Amino acid sequence: MRLDALWNYMQYDMEADRFENGMRNSPNRLKLLKQRDFLLEQQNNMKKVENNIATMSDRLEAVQDEADRLQGVLAKLQQELQEHQPETMEEIQKQLSAAQKLENTLQHYEQELAKMRKESEQFDRMQREIRMKAARTKAEYDELKRQYETEFKDAQAKLTELKQRSEEEGKAIDPAMMARYRQIKQHAMPPMAKLNGDRCGGCNMSLPAATRDKLNTGEEIVECDNCGRILFMPSAE
């Protein structure tokens, strides 16, 4: 069984695969993917900051409302002390204790409010920094995308040409043989190998005499016992 046509087909097939892999791993494409991931990361960071700001804003409002309420209660208590002087020491201590408790609570709320305002300022700075970084990267991304689209358009035309050429070569090959070729291609690249003396040109392992004899008869597809590639003996050999 002559495999010259399949061998020639493989050359075009491998060339198309190499070119496609080169497109996939082109520097511009890799940079573009990296910047895209960075932009997505910044978007996620911005969402987290916005959620933190929203949560803090609600908490800040709640604490401020409670502080204002306690201020009113304390003012009312102080007014009552002025308008209605307590008659006994026990009443004085009771009212002073209530006023002190209110003042301590207010002081705690004021400290919490100051801390939250400081954290809010930090979140605001983080927002500005994220926006600035994202804006710079977006400008770079857009320019790189423009360059890559031009590059990809040219490369895609070349890849289409290579694949069409390999398809034309493949039309003369028996479908069963092509199916076997594609199965082997899934685990061995390239899927065919020349016979080098008594060794497989793909894995460089020695082949049993029985395998070499089958290859010499040319009656069937012979695969390497070690790597599974289709073995090929050129017509000139």
Protein backbone atom coordinates (compact mmCIF):
# COMPACT_ATOMS: atom_id res chain seq x y z
CA MET A 1 0.00 0.00 0.00
CA ARG A 2 1.66 3.20 -1.17
CA LEU A 3 1.34 6.11 1.24
CA ASP A 4 3.00 8.83 -0.87
CA ALA A 5 -0.27 10.77 -1.24
CA LEU A 6 -0.95 10.62 2.50
CA TRP A 7 2.62 11.69 3.24
CA ASN A 8 2.28 14.68 0.89
CA TYR A 9 -1.06 15.53 2.46
CA MET A 10 0.57 15.50 5.90
CA GLN A 11 3.14 18.08 4.82
CA TYR A 12 0.39 20.56 3.92
CA ASP A 13 -1.68 19.57 6.94
CA MET A 14 1.24 20.13 9.33
CA GLU A 15 2.12 23.43 7.67
CA ALA A 16 -1.46 24.64 8.19
CA ASP A 17 -1.36 23.50 11.84
CA ARG A 18 1.97 25.24 12.48
CA PHE A 19 0.68 28.44 10.94
CA GLU A 20 -2.53 28.29 12.97
CA ASN A 21 -0.57 27.70 16.18
CA GLY A 22 1.63 30.65 15.27
CA MET A 23 -1.47 32.82 14.91
CA ARG A 24 -2.76 31.61 18.27
CA ASN A 25 0.54 32.39 19.99
CA SER A 26 1.40 35.61 18.20
CA PRO A 27 2.90 38.29 20.51
CA ASN A 28 0.10 40.76 19.76
CA ARG A 29 -2.60 38.20 20.53
CA LEU A 30 -0.95 37.18 23.80
CA LYS A 31 -0.56 40.84 24.82
CA LEU A 32 -4.18 41.46 23.87
CA LEU A 33 -5.39 38.57 26.02
CA LYS A 34 -3.25 39.75 28.93
CA GLN A 35 -4.66 43.28 28.73
CA ARG A 36 -8.19 41.92 28.36
CA ASP A 37 -7.74 39.88 31.54
CA PHE A 38 -6.33 42.95 33.32
CA LEU A 39 -9.35 45.02 32.28
CA LEU A 40 -11.71 42.31 33.52
CA GLU A 41 -9.80 42.21 36.80
CA GLN A 42 -10.12 45.99 37.18
CA GLN A 43 -13.85 45.76 36.47
CA ASN A 44 -14.20 43.15 39.21
CA ASN A 45 -12.13 45.29 41.58
CA MET A 46 -14.31 48.30 40.80
CA LYS A 47 -17.47 46.30 41.54
CA LYS A 48 -16.01 45.18 44.88
CA VAL A 49 -15.07 48.75 45.81
CA GLU A 50 -18.50 50.03 44.77
CA ASN A 51 -20.19 47.34 46.86
CA ASN A 52 -17.99 48.23 49.84
CA ILE A 53 -18.79 51.92 49.39
CA ALA A 54 -22.53 51.20 49.18
CA THR A 55 -22.41 49.01 52.31
CA MET A 56 -20.36 51.60 54.18
CA SER A 57 -22.64 54.41 53.05
CA ASP A 58 -25.66 52.57 54.46
CA ARG A 59 -23.81 51.89 57.71
CA LEU A 60 -22.57 55.46 57.90
CA GLU A 61 -26.10 56.77 57.47
CA ALA A 62 -27.48 54.40 60.11
CA VAL A 63 -24.77 55.29 62.64
CA GLN A 64 -25.19 59.01 61.94
CA ASP A 65 -28.95 58.74 62.46
CA GLU A 66 -28.43 56.93 65.76
CA ALA A 67 -25.83 59.50 66.84
CA ASP A 68 -28.24 62.33 66.01
CA ARG A 69 -31.00 60.59 67.95
CA LEU A 70 -28.76 60.18 71.01
CA GLN A 71 -27.70 63.81 70.73
CA GLY A 72 -31.36 64.73 70.94
CA VAL A 73 -31.91 62.45 73.93
CA LEU A 74 -28.87 63.91 75.70
CA ALA A 75 -29.98 67.49 74.97
CA LYS A 76 -33.43 66.70 76.31
CA LEU A 77 -31.95 65.14 79.44
CA GLN A 78 -29.71 68.17 80.00
CA GLN A 79 -32.70 70.47 79.57
CA GLU A 80 -34.70 68.46 82.10
CA LEU A 81 -31.83 68.70 84.56
CA GLN A 82 -31.87 72.48 84.21
CA GLU A 83 -35.63 72.84 84.43
CA HIS A 84 -36.25 70.25 87.12
CA GLN A 85 -33.47 70.07 89.65
CA PRO A 86 -33.33 66.63 91.30
CA GLU A 87 -34.22 66.70 94.97
CA THR A 88 -32.14 63.79 96.21
CA MET A 89 -28.55 62.66 95.71
CA GLU A 90 -29.86 59.36 94.37
CA GLU A 91 -31.81 61.15 91.63
CA ILE A 92 -28.76 63.29 90.80
CA GLN A 93 -26.52 60.24 90.48
CA LYS A 94 -29.15 58.44 88.41
CA GLN A 95 -29.47 61.29 85.94
CA LEU A 96 -25.72 61.89 85.81
CA SER A 97 -25.19 58.19 85.17
CA ALA A 98 -27.74 58.27 82.33
CA ALA A 99 -26.08 61.35 80.82
CA GLN A 100 -22.61 59.76 81.10
CA LYS A 101 -23.86 56.58 79.45
CA LEU A 102 -25.29 58.61 76.59
CA GLU A 103 -22.04 60.56 76.20
CA ASN A 104 -19.97 57.33 76.16
CA THR A 105 -22.25 55.84 73.52
CA LEU A 106 -22.05 59.04 71.48
CA GLN A 107 -18.27 59.05 71.75
CA HIS A 108 -18.19 55.45 70.49
CA TYR A 109 -20.38 56.38 67.54
CA GLU A 110 -18.25 59.42 66.76
CA GLN A 111 -15.14 57.23 66.72
CA GLU A 112 -16.86 54.74 64.45
CA LEU A 113 -18.02 57.56 62.15
CA ALA A 114 -14.49 58.97 61.96
CA LYS A 115 -13.10 55.52 61.11
CA MET A 116 -15.72 54.96 58.40
CA ARG A 117 -15.09 58.40 56.89
CA LYS A 118 -11.39 57.60 56.71
CA GLU A 119 -12.09 54.24 55.07
CA SER A 120 -14.49 55.96 52.69
CA GLU A 121 -11.71 58.31 51.61
CA GLN A 122 -9.45 55.30 51.01
CA PHE A 123 -12.14 53.67 48.86
CA ASP A 124 -12.53 56.89 46.89
CA ARG A 125 -8.79 56.92 46.20
CA MET A 126 -8.92 53.27 45.17
CA GLN A 127 -11.75 54.06 42.76
CA ARG A 128 -9.77 56.87 41.15
CA GLU A 129 -6.65 54.71 40.83
CA ILE A 130 -8.61 51.83 39.29
CA ARG A 131 -10.30 54.17 36.81
CA MET A 132 -6.95 55.68 35.82
CA LYS A 133 -5.29 52.28 35.35
CA ALA A 134 -8.29 50.94 33.42
CA ALA A 135 -8.42 54.02 31.19
CA ARG A 136 -4.71 53.72 30.30
CA THR A 137 -5.00 50.00 29.64
CA LYS A 138 -8.19 50.44 27.60
CA ALA A 139 -6.44 52.93 25.32
CA GLU A 140 -3.52 50.52 24.85
CA TYR A 141 -5.95 47.62 24.37
CA ASP A 142 -7.90 49.44 21.64
CA GLU A 143 -4.73 50.30 19.71
CA LEU A 144 -3.36 46.77 20.06
CA LYS A 145 -6.70 45.32 19.02
CA ARG A 146 -6.66 47.46 15.88
CA GLN A 147 -3.17 46.18 15.03
CA TYR A 148 -4.09 42.57 15.76
CA GLU A 149 -7.26 42.70 13.66
CA THR A 150 -5.19 43.81 10.67
CA GLU A 151 -2.62 41.10 11.41
CA PHE A 152 -5.34 38.46 11.90
CA LYS A 153 -7.09 39.38 8.65
CA ASP A 154 -3.90 38.80 6.65
CA ALA A 155 -3.04 35.64 8.57
CA GLN A 156 -6.55 34.24 8.21
CA ALA A 157 -6.33 34.58 4.43
CA LYS A 158 -3.03 32.68 4.46
CA LEU A 159 -4.46 29.97 6.75
CA THR A 160 -7.50 29.55 4.50
CA GLU A 161 -5.16 29.09 1.53
CA LEU A 162 -3.11 26.44 3.38
CA LYS A 163 -6.19 24.51 4.48
CA GLN A 164 -7.67 24.59 1.00
CA ARG A 165 -4.42 23.22 -0.38
CA SER A 166 -4.37 20.37 2.16
CA GLU A 167 -8.04 19.59 1.42
CA GLU A 168 -7.25 19.32 -2.29
CA GLU A 169 -4.43 16.89 -1.50
CA GLY A 170 -6.75 14.90 0.73
CA LYS A 171 -9.36 14.28 -1.96
CA ALA A 172 -7.26 11.53 -3.55
CA ILE A 173 -6.83 9.63 -0.26
CA ASP A 174 -9.00 6.70 0.76
CA PRO A 175 -11.54 7.85 3.42
CA ALA A 176 -10.70 4.96 5.74
CA MET A 177 -7.02 5.80 5.57
CA MET A 178 -7.78 9.47 6.23
CA ALA A 179 -9.94 8.53 9.21
CA ARG A 180 -7.11 6.48 10.68
CA TYR A 181 -4.68 9.35 10.07
CA ARG A 182 -6.92 11.74 11.99
CA GLN A 183 -7.32 9.30 14.87
CA ILE A 184 -3.55 8.95 15.22
CA LYS A 185 -3.12 12.73 14.93
CA GLN A 186 -5.05 13.13 18.18
CA HIS A 187 -2.21 11.53 20.16
CA ALA A 188 0.85 11.69 17.91
CA MET A 189 2.23 14.66 16.01
CA PRO A 190 3.10 14.27 13.26
CA PRO A 191 0.92 11.21 12.69
CA MET A 192 3.31 9.64 10.16
CA ALA A 193 7.00 8.80 10.40
CA LYS A 194 9.61 7.59 7.94
CA LEU A 195 11.37 4.31 8.46
CA ASN A 196 15.03 5.01 9.24
CA GLY A 197 16.85 1.72 8.88
CA ASP A 198 15.15 -0.45 11.47
CA ARG A 199 13.89 2.47 13.55
CA CYS A 200 10.77 4.61 13.60
CA GLY A 201 11.60 8.16 12.53
CA GLY A 202 9.05 9.50 15.02
CA CYS A 203 10.10 7.92 18.32
CA ASN A 204 13.48 6.50 17.20
CA MET A 205 12.66 3.11 18.68
CA SER A 206 13.78 -0.12 16.98
CA LEU A 207 11.01 -1.95 15.17
CA PRO A 208 10.48 -5.73 15.37
CA ALA A 209 11.36 -7.69 12.26
CA ALA A 210 7.71 -8.67 11.82
CA THR A 211 6.71 -4.99 11.68
CA ARG A 212 9.40 -4.24 9.10
CA ASP A 213 8.33 -7.25 7.02
CA LYS A 214 4.73 -6.04 6.93
CA LEU A 215 5.94 -2.60 5.87
CA ASN A 216 8.00 -4.12 3.05
CA THR A 217 5.03 -6.01 1.67
CA GLY A 218 3.10 -2.77 1.32
CA GLU A 219 -0.24 -4.56 1.72
CA GLU A 220 -1.60 -2.66 4.70
CA ILE A 221 -1.11 0.38 6.91
CA VAL A 222 1.67 -0.38 9.38
CA GLU A 223 1.90 1.51 12.65
CA CYS A 224 4.86 1.84 14.99
CA ASP A 225 4.55 -0.62 17.88
CA ASN A 226 5.80 2.06 20.27
CA CYS A 227 4.31 5.45 19.31
CA GLY A 228 1.46 4.36 17.02
CA ARG A 229 2.48 6.55 14.06
CA ILE A 230 1.82 5.37 10.52
CA LEU A 231 5.15 4.18 9.14
CA PHE A 232 6.17 5.41 5.71
CA MET A 233 8.82 4.10 3.34
CA PRO A 234 9.42 6.58 0.47
CA SER A 235 9.23 5.21 -3.06
CA ALA A 236 12.92 5.91 -3.68
CA GLU A 237 13.93 3.68 -0.77
